[in-house]
């Protein structure tokens, strides 16, 4: 790996950690509770740090910021966590139909958990919304619910997963070639 790629990667990684630390305070209660049974799981042949970094890049390309990032130095499980800022789904999936969804159902947060697995990483992505109120900070986690299966937000998660996979394949091509 060339020096410039290492410097670029480290710069992006530090930026993600700083942005997350500044925005999140002590960390997210949503992340602390772990993925729901509705979370999607993506198996990726890359290390945990690389997967979370690329997920952050995909969000940033969609003009979505990571709100918090957590990776504990003494985390023996080697798990990384990330939470997105509030996402207004019509902004990221313009082609989606929203039918009878209320305005508050169009705002979601994405939560990410990346944990090592033999030969790579399992990335869990959970989409949550607050059915009782418009988005607020700090998020009221006790009111947050998983986005229903037919919700257009899952289209965004699928597109994001595809973009993430492409980005990770590009990384493997760069490192292998």
C-alpha atoms as a PDB file:
ATOM      1  CA  UNK A   1       0.000   0.000   0.000  1.00  0.00           C
ATOM      2  CA  UNK A   2       1.478   3.343  -0.936  1.00  0.00           C
ATOM      3  CA  UNK A   3       2.171   6.083   1.602  1.00  0.00           C
ATOM      4  CA  UNK A   4      -0.438   8.425   0.102  1.00  0.00           C
ATOM      5  CA  UNK A   5      -3.182   5.797   0.390  1.00  0.00           C
ATOM      6  CA  UNK A   6      -2.230   5.121   4.003  1.00  0.00           C
ATOM      7  CA  UNK A   7      -2.275   8.841   4.788  1.00  0.00           C
ATOM      8  CA  UNK A   8      -5.635   9.293   3.020  1.00  0.00           C
ATOM      9  CA  UNK A   9      -7.160   6.307   4.823  1.00  0.00           C
ATOM     10  CA  UNK A  10      -5.844   7.430   8.200  1.00  0.00           C
ATOM     11  CA  UNK A  11      -7.069  10.986   7.572  1.00  0.00           C
ATOM     12  CA  UNK A  12     -10.569   9.776   6.740  1.00  0.00           C
ATOM     13  CA  UNK A  13     -10.593   7.423   9.720  1.00  0.00           C
ATOM     14  CA  UNK A  14      -9.511  10.180  12.126  1.00  0.00           C
ATOM     15  CA  UNK A  15     -12.137  12.523  10.640  1.00  0.00           C
ATOM     16  CA  UNK A  16     -14.859   9.920  11.168  1.00  0.00           C
ATOM     17  CA  UNK A  17     -13.845   9.341  14.765  1.00  0.00           C
ATOM     18  CA  UNK A  18     -13.614  13.069  15.525  1.00  0.00           C
ATOM     19  CA  UNK A  19     -16.976  13.853  13.904  1.00  0.00           C
ATOM     20  CA  UNK A  20     -18.580  10.974  15.744  1.00  0.00           C
ATOM     21  CA  UNK A  21     -17.021  11.863  19.079  1.00  0.00           C
ATOM     22  CA  UNK A  22     -18.010  15.517  18.785  1.00  0.00           C
ATOM     23  CA  UNK A  23     -21.560  14.745  17.759  1.00  0.00           C
ATOM     24  CA  UNK A  24     -22.313  11.901  20.104  1.00  0.00           C
ATOM     25  CA  UNK A  25     -21.041  12.849  23.511  1.00  0.00           C
ATOM     26  CA  UNK A  26     -20.790   9.637  25.484  1.00  0.00           C
ATOM     27  CA  UNK A  27     -22.206   7.351  22.804  1.00  0.00           C
ATOM     28  CA  UNK A  28     -25.549   6.175  21.539  1.00  0.00           C
ATOM     29  CA  UNK A  29     -28.056   4.285  23.622  1.00  0.00           C
ATOM     30  CA  UNK A  30     -29.410   2.910  20.343  1.00  0.00           C
ATOM     31  CA  UNK A  31     -26.084   1.324  19.531  1.00  0.00           C
ATOM     32  CA  UNK A  32     -25.726   0.021  23.068  1.00  0.00           C
ATOM     33  CA  UNK A  33     -28.903  -2.023  22.736  1.00  0.00           C
ATOM     34  CA  UNK A  34     -27.595  -3.990  19.740  1.00  0.00           C
ATOM     35  CA  UNK A  35     -29.217  -4.859  16.429  1.00  0.00           C
ATOM     36  CA  UNK A  36     -32.897  -5.793  16.319  1.00  0.00           C
ATOM     37  CA  UNK A  37     -34.193  -8.986  14.760  1.00  0.00           C
ATOM     38  CA  UNK A  38     -35.180  -6.852  11.736  1.00  0.00           C
ATOM     39  CA  UNK A  39     -31.609  -5.704  11.022  1.00  0.00           C
ATOM     40  CA  UNK A  40     -30.131  -6.819   7.728  1.00  0.00           C
ATOM     41  CA  UNK A  41     -26.830  -8.678   7.795  1.00  0.00           C
ATOM     42  CA  UNK A  42     -24.149  -8.299   5.151  1.00  0.00           C
ATOM     43  CA  UNK A  43     -21.180 -10.680   5.078  1.00  0.00           C
ATOM     44  CA  UNK A  44     -18.078  -8.909   3.855  1.00  0.00           C
ATOM     45  CA  UNK A  45     -14.590 -10.286   3.185  1.00  0.00           C
ATOM     46  CA  UNK A  46     -12.813  -7.321   4.810  1.00  0.00           C
ATOM     47  CA  UNK A  47     -11.671  -6.333   8.320  1.00  0.00           C
ATOM     48  CA  UNK A  48     -14.079  -4.579  10.707  1.00  0.00           C
ATOM     49  CA  UNK A  49     -12.298  -1.212  10.504  1.00  0.00           C
ATOM     50  CA  UNK A  50     -12.382  -1.222   6.707  1.00  0.00           C
ATOM     51  CA  UNK A  51     -16.087  -2.105   6.611  1.00  0.00           C
ATOM     52  CA  UNK A  52     -17.097   0.702   8.992  1.00  0.00           C
ATOM     53  CA  UNK A  53     -14.831   3.178   7.184  1.00  0.00           C
ATOM     54  CA  UNK A  54     -16.401   2.320   3.825  1.00  0.00           C
ATOM     55  CA  UNK A  55     -19.924   2.486   5.311  1.00  0.00           C
ATOM     56  CA  UNK A  56     -19.086   5.980   6.590  1.00  0.00           C
ATOM     57  CA  UNK A  57     -17.866   6.946   3.088  1.00  0.00           C
ATOM     58  CA  UNK A  58     -21.068   5.662   1.446  1.00  0.00           C
ATOM     59  CA  UNK A  59     -23.178   7.669   3.911  1.00  0.00           C
ATOM     60  CA  UNK A  60     -21.062  10.759   3.297  1.00  0.00           C
ATOM     61  CA  UNK A  61     -21.486  10.385  -0.479  1.00  0.00           C
ATOM     62  CA  UNK A  62     -25.262  10.467   0.104  1.00  0.00           C
ATOM     63  CA  UNK A  63     -24.771  13.634   2.192  1.00  0.00           C
ATOM     64  CA  UNK A  64     -25.627  11.764   5.395  1.00  0.00           C
ATOM     65  CA  UNK A  65     -23.327  12.284   8.353  1.00  0.00           C
ATOM     66  CA  UNK A  66     -22.366   9.760  10.958  1.00  0.00           C
ATOM     67  CA  UNK A  67     -23.636  11.021  14.303  1.00  0.00           C
ATOM     68  CA  UNK A  68     -21.594   8.741  16.503  1.00  0.00           C
ATOM     69  CA  UNK A  69     -18.884   6.174  16.151  1.00  0.00           C
ATOM     70  CA  UNK A  70     -17.621   3.912  18.883  1.00  0.00           C
ATOM     71  CA  UNK A  71     -14.727   1.557  19.046  1.00  0.00           C
ATOM     72  CA  UNK A  72     -13.470   0.830  22.524  1.00  0.00           C
ATOM     73  CA  UNK A  73      -9.761   0.229  22.958  1.00  0.00           C
ATOM     74  CA  UNK A  74     -10.438  -2.639  25.356  1.00  0.00           C
ATOM     75  CA  UNK A  75     -13.123  -4.176  23.143  1.00  0.00           C
ATOM     76  CA  UNK A  76     -11.940  -7.784  23.002  1.00  0.00           C
ATOM     77  CA  UNK A  77     -14.759  -8.659  20.589  1.00  0.00           C
ATOM     78  CA  UNK A  78     -13.237  -6.191  18.067  1.00  0.00           C
ATOM     79  CA  UNK A  79     -16.689  -4.727  17.263  1.00  0.00           C
ATOM     80  CA  UNK A  80     -17.194  -1.265  15.735  1.00  0.00           C
ATOM     81  CA  UNK A  81     -20.462   0.689  15.967  1.00  0.00           C
ATOM     82  CA  UNK A  82     -21.787   3.664  14.038  1.00  0.00           C
ATOM     83  CA  UNK A  83     -25.013   5.689  14.054  1.00  0.00           C
ATOM     84  CA  UNK A  84     -26.197   7.943  11.238  1.00  0.00           C
ATOM     85  CA  UNK A  85     -27.692  11.352  11.683  1.00  0.00           C
ATOM     86  CA  UNK A  86     -31.418  11.603  10.926  1.00  0.00           C
ATOM     87  CA  UNK A  87     -32.079  10.742   7.277  1.00  0.00           C
ATOM     88  CA  UNK A  88     -35.074  12.138   5.402  1.00  0.00           C
ATOM     89  CA  UNK A  89     -35.772   9.148   3.149  1.00  0.00           C
ATOM     90  CA  UNK A  90     -37.325  11.163   0.246  1.00  0.00           C
ATOM     91  CA  UNK A  91     -33.932  12.912  -0.107  1.00  0.00           C
ATOM     92  CA  UNK A  92     -31.973   9.676  -0.591  1.00  0.00           C
ATOM     93  CA  UNK A  93     -34.557   7.612  -2.526  1.00  0.00           C
ATOM     94  CA  UNK A  94     -36.422  10.083  -4.729  1.00  0.00           C
ATOM     95  CA  UNK A  95     -38.063   7.314  -6.775  1.00  0.00           C
ATOM     96  CA  UNK A  96     -39.739   5.701  -3.746  1.00  0.00           C
ATOM     97  CA  UNK A  97     -43.470   5.921  -3.197  1.00  0.00           C
ATOM     98  CA  UNK A  98     -44.478   6.940   0.300  1.00  0.00           C
ATOM     99  CA  UNK A  99     -48.233   6.431   0.039  1.00  0.00           C
ATOM    100  CA  UNK A 100     -49.843   6.865   3.420  1.00  0.00           C
ATOM    101  CA  UNK A 101     -46.659   7.348   5.471  1.00  0.00           C
ATOM    102  CA  UNK A 102     -46.778  10.229   7.921  1.00  0.00           C
ATOM    103  CA  UNK A 103     -44.026  12.839   7.934  1.00  0.00           C
ATOM    104  CA  UNK A 104     -42.412  11.338  11.050  1.00  0.00           C
ATOM    105  CA  UNK A 105     -42.217   7.922   9.341  1.00  0.00           C
ATOM    106  CA  UNK A 106     -40.079   9.457   6.589  1.00  0.00           C
ATOM    107  CA  UNK A 107     -37.243  10.250   9.051  1.00  0.00           C
ATOM    108  CA  UNK A 108     -34.951   7.353  10.007  1.00  0.00           C
ATOM    109  CA  UNK A 109     -31.677   6.624  11.716  1.00  0.00           C
ATOM    110  CA  UNK A 110     -29.361   3.855  10.605  1.00  0.00           C
ATOM    111  CA  UNK A 111     -27.372   1.906  13.170  1.00  0.00           C
ATOM    112  CA  UNK A 112     -24.369  -0.200  12.176  1.00  0.00           C
ATOM    113  CA  UNK A 113     -22.566  -2.977  14.036  1.00  0.00           C
ATOM    114  CA  UNK A 114     -19.510  -4.588  12.456  1.00  0.00           C
ATOM    115  CA  UNK A 115     -18.081  -7.681  14.084  1.00  0.00           C
ATOM    116  CA  UNK A 116     -15.399 -10.062  12.921  1.00  0.00           C
ATOM    117  CA  UNK A 117     -16.289 -13.389  11.441  1.00  0.00           C
ATOM    118  CA  UNK A 118     -14.001 -16.042  10.045  1.00  0.00           C
ATOM    119  CA  UNK A 119     -12.675 -14.607   6.785  1.00  0.00           C
ATOM    120  CA  UNK A 120     -14.250 -11.167   7.155  1.00  0.00           C
ATOM    121  CA  UNK A 121     -16.937  -9.161   8.914  1.00  0.00           C
ATOM    122  CA  UNK A 122     -20.644  -9.370   9.648  1.00  0.00           C
ATOM    123  CA  UNK A 123     -22.208  -5.937   9.215  1.00  0.00           C
ATOM    124  CA  UNK A 124     -25.622  -5.439  10.792  1.00  0.00           C
ATOM    125  CA  UNK A 125     -27.650  -2.447   9.580  1.00  0.00           C
ATOM    126  CA  UNK A 126     -30.797  -1.445  11.428  1.00  0.00           C
ATOM    127  CA  UNK A 127     -33.232   1.244  10.244  1.00  0.00           C
ATOM    128  CA  UNK A 128     -35.232   2.909  13.036  1.00  0.00           C
ATOM    129  CA  UNK A 129     -37.838   5.649  13.263  1.00  0.00           C
ATOM    130  CA  UNK A 130     -39.808   7.397  15.995  1.00  0.00           C
ATOM    131  CA  UNK A 131     -43.524   6.688  15.378  1.00  0.00           C
ATOM    132  CA  UNK A 132     -44.664   9.266  17.942  1.00  0.00           C
ATOM    133  CA  UNK A 133     -42.708  12.381  17.020  1.00  0.00           C
ATOM    134  CA  UNK A 134     -40.551  14.134  14.443  1.00  0.00           C
ATOM    135  CA  UNK A 135     -36.786  13.632  14.845  1.00  0.00           C
ATOM    136  CA  UNK A 136     -35.125  15.180  17.848  1.00  0.00           C
ATOM    137  CA  UNK A 137     -31.742  15.140  19.485  1.00  0.00           C
ATOM    138  CA  UNK A 138     -30.960  13.514  21.674  1.00  0.00           C
ATOM    139  CA  UNK A 139     -32.919  10.656  20.124  1.00  0.00           C
ATOM    140  CA  UNK A 140     -35.599   9.206  22.373  1.00  0.00           C
ATOM    141  CA  UNK A 141     -34.487   5.582  22.052  1.00  0.00           C
ATOM    142  CA  UNK A 142     -37.305   4.170  24.146  1.00  0.00           C
ATOM    143  CA  UNK A 143     -39.723   5.408  21.438  1.00  0.00           C
ATOM    144  CA  UNK A 144     -37.696   4.205  18.449  1.00  0.00           C
ATOM    145  CA  UNK A 145     -39.029   1.279  16.434  1.00  0.00           C
ATOM    146  CA  UNK A 146     -37.662  -0.804  13.585  1.00  0.00           C
ATOM    147  CA  UNK A 147     -38.784   0.368  10.186  1.00  0.00           C
ATOM    148  CA  UNK A 148     -41.456  -2.028   8.808  1.00  0.00           C
ATOM    149  CA  UNK A 149     -40.386  -4.408   6.035  1.00  0.00           C
ATOM    150  CA  UNK A 150     -42.295  -2.639   3.224  1.00  0.00           C
ATOM    151  CA  UNK A 151     -40.967   0.818   4.136  1.00  0.00           C
ATOM    152  CA  UNK A 152     -39.006   2.655   1.374  1.00  0.00           C
ATOM    153  CA  UNK A 153     -36.094   3.079   3.810  1.00  0.00           C
ATOM    154  CA  UNK A 154     -35.128  -0.542   3.147  1.00  0.00           C
ATOM    155  CA  UNK A 155     -34.645   0.385  -0.525  1.00  0.00           C
ATOM    156  CA  UNK A 156     -32.033   2.861   0.659  1.00  0.00           C
ATOM    157  CA  UNK A 157     -30.387   0.254   2.891  1.00  0.00           C
ATOM    158  CA  UNK A 158     -30.204  -2.142  -0.086  1.00  0.00           C
ATOM    159  CA  UNK A 159     -28.690   0.534  -2.342  1.00  0.00           C
ATOM    160  CA  UNK A 160     -26.267   1.462   0.397  1.00  0.00           C
ATOM    161  CA  UNK A 161     -25.287  -2.203   0.851  1.00  0.00           C
ATOM    162  CA  UNK A 162     -24.665  -2.520  -2.893  1.00  0.00           C
ATOM    163  CA  UNK A 163     -22.553   0.648  -2.931  1.00  0.00           C
ATOM    164  CA  UNK A 164     -20.654  -0.568   0.122  1.00  0.00           C
ATOM    165  CA  UNK A 165     -19.937  -3.921  -1.540  1.00  0.00           C
ATOM    166  CA  UNK A 166     -18.668  -2.154  -4.678  1.00  0.00           C
ATOM    167  CA  UNK A 167     -16.435   0.088  -2.603  1.00  0.00           C
ATOM    168  CA  UNK A 168     -15.037  -2.879  -0.696  1.00  0.00           C
ATOM    169  CA  UNK A 169     -14.397  -4.814  -3.926  1.00  0.00           C
ATOM    170  CA  UNK A 170     -12.527  -1.741  -5.203  1.00  0.00           C
ATOM    171  CA  UNK A 171     -10.403  -1.739  -2.061  1.00  0.00           C
ATOM    172  CA  UNK A 172      -9.592  -5.429  -2.490  1.00  0.00           C
ATOM    173  CA  UNK A 173      -8.650  -4.817  -6.162  1.00  0.00           C
ATOM    174  CA  UNK A 174      -6.336  -1.947  -5.155  1.00  0.00           C
ATOM    175  CA  UNK A 175      -4.640  -3.967  -2.418  1.00  0.00           C
ATOM    176  CA  UNK A 176      -4.403  -7.132  -4.518  1.00  0.00           C
ATOM    177  CA  UNK A 177      -3.152  -5.462  -7.691  1.00  0.00           C
END
